[in-house]
C-alpha atoms as a PDB file:
ATOM      1  CA  MET A   1      -5.925  47.842  50.600  1.00  0.00           C
ATOM      2  CA  SER A   2      -4.280  47.276  53.943  1.00  0.00           C
ATOM      3  CA  THR A   3      -1.885  44.437  54.645  1.00  0.00           C
ATOM      4  CA  ARG A   4      -4.529  42.739  56.771  1.00  0.00           C
ATOM      5  CA  SER A   5      -7.195  42.914  54.060  1.00  0.00           C
ATOM      6  CA  VAL A   6      -4.764  41.601  51.414  1.00  0.00           C
ATOM      7  CA  ARG A   7      -3.905  38.692  53.701  1.00  0.00           C
ATOM      8  CA  THR A   8      -7.595  38.020  54.353  1.00  0.00           C
ATOM      9  CA  PHE A   9      -8.364  38.171  50.649  1.00  0.00           C
ATOM     10  CA  PHE A  10      -5.637  35.651  49.772  1.00  0.00           C
ATOM     11  CA  GLN A  11      -6.606  33.356  52.630  1.00  0.00           C
ATOM     12  CA  HIS A  12     -10.206  33.396  51.449  1.00  0.00           C
ATOM     13  CA  GLU A  13      -9.189  32.729  47.811  1.00  0.00           C
ATOM     14  CA  LEU A  14      -6.810  29.944  48.830  1.00  0.00           C
ATOM     15  CA  LYS A  15      -9.559  28.262  50.887  1.00  0.00           C
ATOM     16  CA  ARG A  16     -12.012  28.612  48.021  1.00  0.00           C
ATOM     17  CA  LEU A  17      -9.565  27.033  45.540  1.00  0.00           C
ATOM     18  CA  LYS A  18      -8.618  24.299  47.978  1.00  0.00           C
ATOM     19  CA  ASP A  19     -12.286  23.414  48.555  1.00  0.00           C
ATOM     20  CA  ARG A  20     -12.983  23.437  44.839  1.00  0.00           C
ATOM     21  CA  PHE A  21     -10.095  21.187  43.789  1.00  0.00           C
ATOM     22  CA  SER A  22      -9.569  18.960  46.816  1.00  0.00           C
ATOM     23  CA  ASP A  23     -12.554  16.642  46.219  1.00  0.00           C
ATOM     24  CA  THR A  24     -11.548  14.702  43.115  1.00  0.00           C
ATOM     25  CA  SER A  25     -13.336  11.480  44.046  1.00  0.00           C
ATOM     26  CA  THR A  26     -16.442  12.346  42.068  1.00  0.00           C
ATOM     27  CA  SER A  27     -14.543  13.562  39.022  1.00  0.00           C
ATOM     28  CA  LEU A  28     -12.446  10.366  38.847  1.00  0.00           C
ATOM     29  CA  GLU A  29     -15.438   8.036  39.026  1.00  0.00           C
ATOM     30  CA  SER A  30     -16.131   8.513  35.335  1.00  0.00           C
ATOM     31  CA  VAL A  31     -12.547   7.655  34.302  1.00  0.00           C
ATOM     32  CA  GLU A  32     -12.141   4.155  32.889  1.00  0.00           C
ATOM     33  CA  THR A  33      -9.021   2.195  32.099  1.00  0.00           C
ATOM     34  CA  ILE A  34      -8.825   0.648  28.656  1.00  0.00           C
ATOM     35  CA  GLU A  35      -6.323  -1.767  27.177  1.00  0.00           C
ATOM     36  CA  THR A  36      -4.090  -0.114  24.594  1.00  0.00           C
ATOM     37  CA  VAL A  37      -1.812  -1.558  21.943  1.00  0.00           C
ATOM     38  CA  GLY A  38       1.101  -0.883  24.291  1.00  0.00           C
ATOM     39  CA  ASP A  39      -0.427  -3.248  26.839  1.00  0.00           C
ATOM     40  CA  CYS A  40      -0.572  -5.993  24.208  1.00  0.00           C
ATOM     41  CA  ILE A  41       3.096  -5.922  23.163  1.00  0.00           C
ATOM     42  CA  ASP A  42       6.196  -6.543  25.246  1.00  0.00           C
ATOM     43  CA  PRO A  43       8.777  -4.287  23.539  1.00  0.00           C
ATOM     44  CA  SER A  44      11.820  -6.173  24.815  1.00  0.00           C
ATOM     45  CA  ARG A  45      10.404  -9.550  23.793  1.00  0.00           C
ATOM     46  CA  LEU A  46       9.527  -8.298  20.304  1.00  0.00           C
ATOM     47  CA  GLY A  47      12.914  -6.571  20.038  1.00  0.00           C
ATOM     48  CA  ARG A  48      14.690  -9.886  20.603  1.00  0.00           C
ATOM     49  CA  ARG A  49      12.867 -11.304  17.561  1.00  0.00           C
ATOM     50  CA  LEU A  50      14.084  -8.512  15.248  1.00  0.00           C
ATOM     51  CA  PRO A  51      17.403  -8.242  13.405  1.00  0.00           C
ATOM     52  CA  ALA A  52      20.293  -6.613  15.255  1.00  0.00           C
ATOM     53  CA  GLY A  53      20.063  -2.842  15.374  1.00  0.00           C
ATOM     54  CA  TRP A  54      16.276  -2.622  15.730  1.00  0.00           C
ATOM     55  CA  TYR A  55      14.463  -1.457  18.838  1.00  0.00           C
ATOM     56  CA  VAL A  56      10.801  -1.352  19.813  1.00  0.00           C
ATOM     57  CA  ASP A  57       8.998   1.322  21.790  1.00  0.00           C
ATOM     58  CA  ARG A  58       5.512   2.532  22.624  1.00  0.00           C
ATOM     59  CA  GLU A  59       4.712   6.107  21.694  1.00  0.00           C
ATOM     60  CA  ILE A  60       1.775   8.460  21.931  1.00  0.00           C
ATOM     61  CA  VAL A  61       1.250  10.149  18.575  1.00  0.00           C
ATOM     62  CA  GLN A  62      -1.401  12.145  16.784  1.00  0.00           C
ATOM     63  CA  PHE A  63      -2.373  11.449  13.201  1.00  0.00           C
ATOM     64  CA  PRO A  64      -4.038  14.252  11.194  1.00  0.00           C
ATOM     65  CA  GLY A  65      -7.697  14.650  12.157  1.00  0.00           C
ATOM     66  CA  GLU A  66      -7.493  12.090  14.982  1.00  0.00           C
ATOM     67  CA  SER A  67      -7.053  12.169  18.732  1.00  0.00           C
ATOM     68  CA  LEU A  68      -3.877  11.053  20.463  1.00  0.00           C
ATOM     69  CA  THR A  69      -3.272   7.327  20.240  1.00  0.00           C
ATOM     70  CA  GLU A  70      -0.671   4.868  21.418  1.00  0.00           C
ATOM     71  CA  VAL A  71       1.321   3.075  18.724  1.00  0.00           C
ATOM     72  CA  ILE A  72       4.084   0.500  18.569  1.00  0.00           C
ATOM     73  CA  ARG A  73       7.142   1.803  16.785  1.00  0.00           C
ATOM     74  CA  LEU A  74       9.994  -0.338  15.459  1.00  0.00           C
ATOM     75  CA  THR A  75      13.080   1.685  14.530  1.00  0.00           C
ATOM     76  CA  ASP A  76      16.441   0.678  13.108  1.00  0.00           C
ATOM     77  CA  ALA A  77      19.776   2.372  13.737  1.00  0.00           C
ATOM     78  CA  GLU A  78      19.445   4.473  10.560  1.00  0.00           C
ATOM     79  CA  GLY A  79      16.034   5.884  11.498  1.00  0.00           C
ATOM     80  CA  TYR A  80      13.796   3.639   9.364  1.00  0.00           C
ATOM     81  CA  GLN A  81      10.496   3.284  11.254  1.00  0.00           C
ATOM     82  CA  ILE A  82       7.627   0.840  11.164  1.00  0.00           C
ATOM     83  CA  THR A  83       4.548   2.059  13.028  1.00  0.00           C
ATOM     84  CA  LEU A  84       1.663  -0.171  14.094  1.00  0.00           C
ATOM     85  CA  LYS A  85      -1.487   1.839  14.835  1.00  0.00           C
ATOM     86  CA  PRO A  86      -4.847   0.381  15.888  1.00  0.00           C
ATOM     87  CA  VAL A  87      -7.740   1.475  13.686  1.00  0.00           C
ATOM     88  CA  ASP A  88      -9.871   1.645  16.862  1.00  0.00           C
ATOM     89  CA  ILE A  89      -7.969   2.517  20.048  1.00  0.00           C
ATOM     90  CA  HIS A  90     -10.564   0.563  22.040  1.00  0.00           C
ATOM     91  CA  ALA A  91      -9.793  -2.634  20.073  1.00  0.00           C
ATOM     92  CA  PRO A  92      -5.980  -2.984  20.043  1.00  0.00           C
ATOM     93  CA  HIS A  93      -6.033  -6.645  18.951  1.00  0.00           C
ATOM     94  CA  ASP A  94      -8.204  -5.946  15.895  1.00  0.00           C
ATOM     95  CA  SER A  95      -7.451  -4.039  12.675  1.00  0.00           C
ATOM     96  CA  ILE A  96      -4.023  -2.409  12.613  1.00  0.00           C
ATOM     97  CA  GLU A  97      -2.645   0.135  10.158  1.00  0.00           C
ATOM     98  CA  ILE A  98       1.002  -0.285   9.201  1.00  0.00           C
ATOM     99  CA  TYR A  99       3.068   2.789   8.344  1.00  0.00           C
ATOM    100  CA  THR A 100       6.708   3.102   7.333  1.00  0.00           C
ATOM    101  CA  ARG A 101       9.036   6.072   7.392  1.00  0.00           C
ATOM    102  CA  THR A 102      12.366   5.850   5.595  1.00  0.00           C
ATOM    103  CA  SER A 103      14.103   8.475   7.742  1.00  0.00           C
ATOM    104  CA  PRO A 104      13.347  11.071  10.401  1.00  0.00           C
ATOM    105  CA  HIS A 105      13.313  13.667   7.609  1.00  0.00           C
ATOM    106  CA  ASN A 106      10.512  12.021   5.606  1.00  0.00           C
ATOM    107  CA  SER A 107       6.829  11.682   6.379  1.00  0.00           C
ATOM    108  CA  ARG A 108       5.350   8.296   7.228  1.00  0.00           C
ATOM    109  CA  GLN A 109       3.586   6.383   4.472  1.00  0.00           C
ATOM    110  CA  ARG A 110       0.599   4.142   5.056  1.00  0.00           C
ATOM    111  CA  ARG A 111       1.388   0.666   3.707  1.00  0.00           C
ATOM    112  CA  GLN A 112      -1.682  -1.364   4.556  1.00  0.00           C
ATOM    113  CA  THR A 113      -4.331  -2.312   7.092  1.00  0.00           C
ATOM    114  CA  VAL A 114      -4.404  -5.852   8.439  1.00  0.00           C
ATOM    115  CA  SER A 115      -7.052  -7.661  10.451  1.00  0.00           C
ATOM    116  CA  SER A 116      -5.117  -8.292  13.672  1.00  0.00           C
ATOM    117  CA  LEU A 117      -2.238  -7.150  15.826  1.00  0.00           C
ATOM    118  CA  SER A 118      -0.497 -10.518  15.506  1.00  0.00           C
ATOM    119  CA  GLU A 119      -0.633 -10.257  11.695  1.00  0.00           C
ATOM    120  CA  ALA A 120       0.738  -6.699  11.855  1.00  0.00           C
ATOM    121  CA  VAL A 121       3.629  -7.841  14.054  1.00  0.00           C
ATOM    122  CA  MET A 122       4.497 -10.635  11.613  1.00  0.00           C
ATOM    123  CA  ILE A 123       4.470  -8.208   8.663  1.00  0.00           C
ATOM    124  CA  ALA A 124       6.583  -5.686  10.586  1.00  0.00           C
ATOM    125  CA  MET A 125       9.106  -8.404  11.433  1.00  0.00           C
ATOM    126  CA  GLY A 126       9.244  -9.339   7.733  1.00  0.00           C
ATOM    127  CA  ILE A 127       9.844  -5.726   6.693  1.00  0.00           C
ATOM    128  CA  ALA A 128      12.624  -5.422   9.270  1.00  0.00           C
ATOM    129  CA  ALA A 129      14.233  -8.658   8.108  1.00  0.00           C
ATOM    130  CA  ARG A 130      14.096  -7.665   4.411  1.00  0.00           C
ATOM    131  CA  ARG A 131      15.798  -4.346   5.156  1.00  0.00           C
ATOM    132  CA  HIS A 132      18.994  -6.227   5.984  1.00  0.00           C
ATOM    133  CA  ILE A 133      19.245  -9.158   3.569  1.00  0.00           C
ATOM    134  CA  LYS A 134      20.192  -7.674   0.178  1.00  0.00           C
ATOM    135  CA  PRO A 135      23.876  -8.648  -0.307  1.00  0.00           C
ATOM    136  CA  ASP A 136      24.258  -6.541  -3.485  1.00  0.00           C
ATOM    137  CA  ARG A 137      23.431  -3.296  -1.626  1.00  0.00           C
ATOM    138  CA  PRO A 138      25.793  -1.344   0.629  1.00  0.00           C
ATOM    139  CA  ASN A 139      25.427  -2.745   4.134  1.00  0.00           C
ATOM    140  CA  GLY A 140      23.086  -5.403   2.728  1.00  0.00           C
ATOM    141  CA  GLN A 141      20.031  -3.134   2.738  1.00  0.00           C
ATOM    142  CA  SER A 142      17.021  -3.091   0.462  1.00  0.00           C
ATOM    143  CA  THR A 143      15.841   0.027  -1.275  1.00  0.00           C
ATOM    144  CA  GLU A 144      12.474   1.507  -0.268  1.00  0.00           C
ATOM    145  CA  SER A 145      10.923   0.551  -3.627  1.00  0.00           C
ATOM    146  CA  GLU A 146      12.000  -3.062  -3.113  1.00  0.00           C
ATOM    147  CA  ILE A 147      10.519  -3.104   0.369  1.00  0.00           C
ATOM    148  CA  SER A 148       7.243  -1.529  -0.796  1.00  0.00           C
ATOM    149  CA  SER A 149       6.818  -4.082  -3.551  1.00  0.00           C
ATOM    150  CA  GLN A 150       7.239  -7.032  -1.213  1.00  0.00           C
END
C-alpha cells in the first residue's frame, strides 16, 4: 500500500467514524433522569447530626445479583459502616434496606428493611449513637452483638 492510499484509507475511516458517532441527539433522547437516594440526603447536614468521628457519603455499589445502585454510607473513624440501600432504585423514599459492616475486613450484614428513607435515617443515627455510649467498654463502644440486639 502506498503512502497516499494509506492516508486515503485512514481519512475515509476517520470520516466514517466521525459521522457514526457525532450525532448523539437521537441516542440521548431515550435517557431519563431519575431521583436517587443520594438526591434525597444532604451528607453534610446528616453528618452534623451524628456523633463526632462519623462521616456520610454517597456511593455507587453492586450487591450480588443486582445492578449498580447508589447508597448512603455512614462510616466511623474505625471503619464501622452503616449502609442505606433503596429496595427499588426508582423509589428512593420508600423501602430501605439497612446493612452494617463492623470493619473493612468483614462483609456487610443485612439488619432489616424499613418502610421509608426517613425511618432508615433515624435507625442509622441510633446505631451510630449506640456505638459510642457504653462507658464500660474501651473508648465507650458497644460490641457488635449488643448493637445487633438493640
